[in-house]
Amino acid sequence: MIASPAGSAAEALTNTIRQRVESRYRRICFVYRELAKLDAAAQKSGAPEVSAKDKAEGNATGSFEDFVFSRIDFSIYKKIDAEEFRLLFDEGLADYEELFFRKAFAMNREQVRETIQASYIRVGPFYVCKGAGPLLLSIMRTLHTSLEFAPLLAGNDAVNAEQLGLLTAALDGVVIRHDDGMETRLFIKDDSLYGTFRPMNKAYTLMLV
């Protein structure tokens, strides 16, 4: 239980936190899964494998995200589970700061949202792409592979400094279980909130607030 200001506002914040932790976890899992596929392909072909450390530091392969980004085609974005779509490509746009969108696409957050929404239609439990071009491909792949996250909570979440301090303290030691059985542990270090995710059961620690 997350102890924060009482009432519906606290419940809304709790849901926001859980949702954003979940969206970060799914993005991290996606990157790790794609890296594992590339490692397996390299071993099968006899090509030299690049270590996780080198990938993370960008040695010989470009940045960690670029390494995955460059090897993803658009086929996985033609039909997306509705919950995944909401979490990563609709509400999940809050995972990034405005500067991220300007740098990546020369667009603001709402323009990116409108571009995505105009390209997809809801069909039952899925969102299906109506038509794709280079811009949409770049947007979807960038959002899927970027680990350049905004703080878990920001000013537009209507949390004042005192509430944020109380909420952050209350999150220390909280464990969030994901649908795949993995757990993310939140903890405070040097007055900042961190989360240790376990994509493919490999520890990945990220500063959240």
Protein backbone atom coordinates (compact mmCIF):
# COMPACT_ATOMS: atom_id res chain seq x y z
CA MET A 1 0.00 0.00 0.00
CA ILE A 2 1.36 3.42 -0.94
CA ALA A 3 0.80 5.94 1.84
CA SER A 4 0.06 9.29 0.25
CA PRO A 5 -2.47 12.10 0.78
CA ALA A 6 -5.83 10.49 1.48
CA GLY A 7 -8.78 10.26 -0.87
CA SER A 8 -9.33 9.94 -4.58
CA ALA A 9 -6.24 12.03 -5.37
CA ALA A 10 -4.06 9.48 -3.57
CA GLU A 11 -5.69 6.62 -5.44
CA ALA A 12 -5.14 8.40 -8.75
CA LEU A 13 -1.47 8.96 -7.94
CA THR A 14 -1.04 5.33 -6.92
CA ASN A 15 -2.54 4.20 -10.22
CA THR A 16 -0.32 6.64 -12.13
CA ILE A 17 2.80 5.35 -10.40
CA ARG A 18 1.95 1.71 -11.02
CA GLN A 19 1.08 2.39 -14.65
CA ARG A 20 4.32 4.26 -15.32
CA VAL A 21 6.43 1.65 -13.56
CA GLU A 22 4.69 -0.99 -15.68
CA SER A 23 5.26 0.90 -18.95
CA ARG A 24 8.95 1.35 -18.13
CA TYR A 25 9.24 -2.34 -17.32
CA ARG A 26 7.65 -3.38 -20.60
CA ARG A 27 9.93 -1.13 -22.63
CA ILE A 28 13.00 -2.44 -20.81
CA CYS A 29 11.81 -6.03 -21.37
CA PHE A 30 11.35 -5.33 -25.07
CA VAL A 31 14.91 -4.02 -25.43
CA TYR A 32 16.34 -7.00 -23.51
CA ARG A 33 14.32 -9.51 -25.57
CA GLU A 34 15.52 -7.98 -28.82
CA LEU A 35 19.12 -8.01 -27.60
CA ALA A 36 18.76 -11.68 -26.65
CA LYS A 37 17.48 -12.48 -30.16
CA LEU A 38 20.44 -10.68 -31.69
CA ASP A 39 22.88 -12.51 -29.41
CA ALA A 40 21.31 -15.85 -30.35
CA ALA A 41 21.56 -15.00 -34.05
CA ALA A 42 25.20 -13.97 -33.62
CA GLN A 43 26.05 -17.25 -31.89
CA LYS A 44 24.28 -19.27 -34.60
CA SER A 45 26.09 -17.47 -37.39
CA GLY A 46 29.44 -17.52 -35.63
CA ALA A 47 29.63 -13.72 -35.53
CA PRO A 48 31.41 -12.26 -32.50
CA GLU A 49 28.97 -11.44 -29.71
CA VAL A 50 29.03 -7.95 -28.23
CA SER A 51 28.89 -7.95 -24.45
CA ALA A 52 26.00 -6.38 -22.54
CA LYS A 53 28.48 -3.91 -21.06
CA ASP A 54 29.66 -2.81 -24.49
CA LYS A 55 26.07 -2.51 -25.71
CA ALA A 56 25.09 -0.41 -22.70
CA GLU A 57 28.12 1.84 -23.14
CA GLY A 58 27.66 2.09 -26.90
CA ASN A 59 31.02 0.53 -27.73
CA ALA A 60 31.26 -0.66 -31.35
CA THR A 61 27.49 -0.70 -31.82
CA GLY A 62 26.24 2.84 -31.21
CA SER A 63 24.05 3.56 -28.21
CA PHE A 64 22.21 0.82 -26.32
CA GLU A 65 18.85 1.85 -27.79
CA ASP A 66 20.22 2.49 -31.30
CA PHE A 67 21.59 -1.04 -31.42
CA VAL A 68 18.06 -2.44 -31.01
CA PHE A 69 16.29 0.34 -32.93
CA SER A 70 18.20 -0.28 -36.16
CA ARG A 71 17.17 -3.93 -36.27
CA ILE A 72 13.40 -3.67 -35.79
CA ASP A 73 11.10 -3.70 -38.81
CA PHE A 74 7.57 -2.35 -38.82
CA SER A 75 5.77 -5.72 -38.86
CA ILE A 76 5.41 -5.83 -35.07
CA TYR A 77 3.55 -2.51 -35.16
CA LYS A 78 0.93 -3.48 -37.74
CA LYS A 79 -1.29 -5.02 -35.05
CA ILE A 80 -0.83 -4.14 -31.38
CA ASP A 81 -2.68 -5.44 -28.34
CA ALA A 82 -5.00 -2.67 -27.09
CA GLU A 83 -3.60 -2.71 -23.54
CA GLU A 84 -0.02 -2.57 -24.86
CA PHE A 85 -1.01 0.27 -27.19
CA ARG A 86 -2.57 2.26 -24.34
CA LEU A 87 0.29 1.66 -21.95
CA LEU A 88 3.16 2.38 -24.35
CA PHE A 89 1.86 4.53 -27.21
CA ASP A 90 -1.02 6.54 -25.73
CA GLU A 91 -0.88 7.16 -21.98
CA GLY A 92 2.75 6.01 -22.14
CA LEU A 93 3.73 9.24 -23.88
CA ALA A 94 3.81 10.76 -20.38
CA ASP A 95 6.95 8.67 -19.80
CA TYR A 96 8.93 11.26 -21.76
CA GLU A 97 9.63 14.95 -21.35
CA GLU A 98 8.67 17.49 -23.99
CA LEU A 99 12.32 17.98 -24.91
CA PHE A 100 12.56 14.31 -25.85
CA PHE A 101 9.82 14.71 -28.49
CA ARG A 102 11.33 17.89 -29.89
CA LYS A 103 14.77 16.31 -30.19
CA ALA A 104 13.55 13.00 -31.63
CA PHE A 105 10.79 14.17 -33.96
CA ALA A 106 10.74 18.00 -34.07
CA MET A 107 7.20 17.66 -32.69
CA ASN A 108 5.55 18.13 -29.31
CA ARG A 109 3.88 15.36 -27.31
CA GLU A 110 0.37 16.06 -28.58
CA GLN A 111 1.51 16.15 -32.20
CA VAL A 112 3.13 12.76 -31.73
CA ARG A 113 -0.06 11.46 -30.09
CA GLU A 114 -2.17 12.76 -32.99
CA THR A 115 0.14 11.16 -35.55
CA ILE A 116 -0.15 7.78 -33.84
CA GLN A 117 -3.91 8.00 -33.33
CA ALA A 118 -4.47 9.01 -36.95
CA SER A 119 -2.53 5.93 -38.09
CA TYR A 120 -4.36 3.30 -36.05
CA ILE A 121 -7.92 2.05 -35.71
CA ARG A 122 -9.34 -0.06 -32.88
CA VAL A 123 -10.45 -3.50 -34.08
CA GLY A 124 -11.67 -5.67 -31.21
CA PRO A 125 -8.82 -6.21 -28.73
CA PHE A 126 -6.22 -4.73 -31.08
CA TYR A 127 -5.11 -1.50 -32.70
CA VAL A 128 -4.43 -2.03 -36.40
CA CYS A 129 -2.27 0.27 -38.51
CA LYS A 130 -4.14 1.91 -41.39
CA GLY A 131 -0.99 2.97 -43.19
CA ALA A 132 2.66 3.43 -42.29
CA GLY A 133 5.41 5.70 -43.51
CA PRO A 134 8.94 6.54 -42.36
CA LEU A 135 7.70 9.03 -39.73
CA LEU A 136 5.36 6.55 -38.03
CA LEU A 137 8.01 3.83 -38.12
CA SER A 138 10.49 6.19 -36.47
CA ILE A 139 7.98 7.24 -33.81
CA MET A 140 6.94 3.69 -32.87
CA ARG A 141 10.47 2.29 -32.80
CA THR A 142 11.84 5.26 -30.86
CA LEU A 143 9.12 5.06 -28.21
CA HIS A 144 9.59 1.31 -27.92
CA THR A 145 13.36 1.33 -27.53
CA SER A 146 14.23 4.59 -25.77
CA LEU A 147 15.18 4.28 -22.11
CA GLU A 148 15.44 8.07 -21.69
CA PHE A 149 12.56 8.38 -19.24
CA ALA A 150 11.11 11.45 -17.57
CA PRO A 151 10.76 11.46 -13.77
CA LEU A 152 8.02 9.12 -12.55
CA LEU A 153 6.01 12.12 -11.32
CA ALA A 154 6.21 15.64 -12.69
CA GLY A 155 4.65 19.03 -12.03
CA ASN A 156 1.68 18.29 -14.27
CA ASP A 157 0.70 15.46 -11.90
CA ALA A 158 -0.50 18.08 -9.38
CA VAL A 159 1.88 16.97 -6.63
CA ASN A 160 3.45 19.69 -4.50
CA ALA A 161 6.93 19.36 -3.01
CA GLU A 162 5.68 18.20 0.39
CA GLN A 163 3.37 15.57 -1.10
CA LEU A 164 6.12 14.37 -3.43
CA GLY A 165 8.48 13.96 -0.48
CA LEU A 166 5.90 11.98 1.51
CA LEU A 167 4.98 9.87 -1.48
CA THR A 168 8.59 9.11 -2.38
CA ALA A 169 9.33 8.10 1.22
CA ALA A 170 6.27 5.84 1.23
CA LEU A 171 7.52 4.08 -1.91
CA ASP A 172 10.78 3.02 -0.28
CA GLY A 173 10.80 -0.77 -0.22
CA VAL A 174 7.60 -1.19 -2.26
CA VAL A 175 7.64 -4.25 -4.53
CA ILE A 176 5.50 -4.31 -7.70
CA ARG A 177 4.73 -7.69 -9.26
CA HIS A 178 4.25 -7.80 -13.03
CA ASP A 179 2.06 -10.13 -15.06
CA ASP A 180 5.05 -12.28 -16.04
CA GLY A 181 5.85 -12.97 -12.38
CA MET A 182 8.87 -10.68 -12.22
CA GLU A 183 9.08 -8.04 -9.49
CA THR A 184 10.32 -4.45 -9.47
CA ARG A 185 11.66 -3.20 -6.14
CA LEU A 186 11.54 0.53 -5.37
CA PHE A 187 14.09 2.03 -3.00
CA ILE A 188 15.57 5.38 -1.95
CA LYS A 189 19.23 6.21 -2.41
CA ASP A 190 20.77 9.66 -1.95
CA ASP A 191 17.27 11.20 -1.62
CA SER A 192 16.22 9.84 -5.03
CA LEU A 193 13.79 7.04 -5.80
CA TYR A 194 15.11 4.12 -7.83
CA GLY A 195 13.57 0.96 -9.21
CA THR A 196 15.35 -2.32 -9.81
CA PHE A 197 13.59 -4.05 -12.69
CA ARG A 198 14.30 -7.65 -13.67
CA PRO A 199 13.79 -8.02 -17.44
CA MET A 200 14.42 -11.67 -18.33
CA ASN A 201 15.47 -12.03 -14.67
CA LYS A 202 18.44 -9.69 -15.17
CA ALA A 203 18.69 -6.73 -12.80
CA TYR A 204 18.35 -3.26 -14.34
CA THR A 205 18.26 -0.26 -11.99
CA LEU A 206 16.74 3.05 -13.07
CA MET A 207 16.30 6.37 -11.26
CA LEU A 208 12.59 7.20 -11.13
CA VAL A 209 12.29 10.45 -9.14
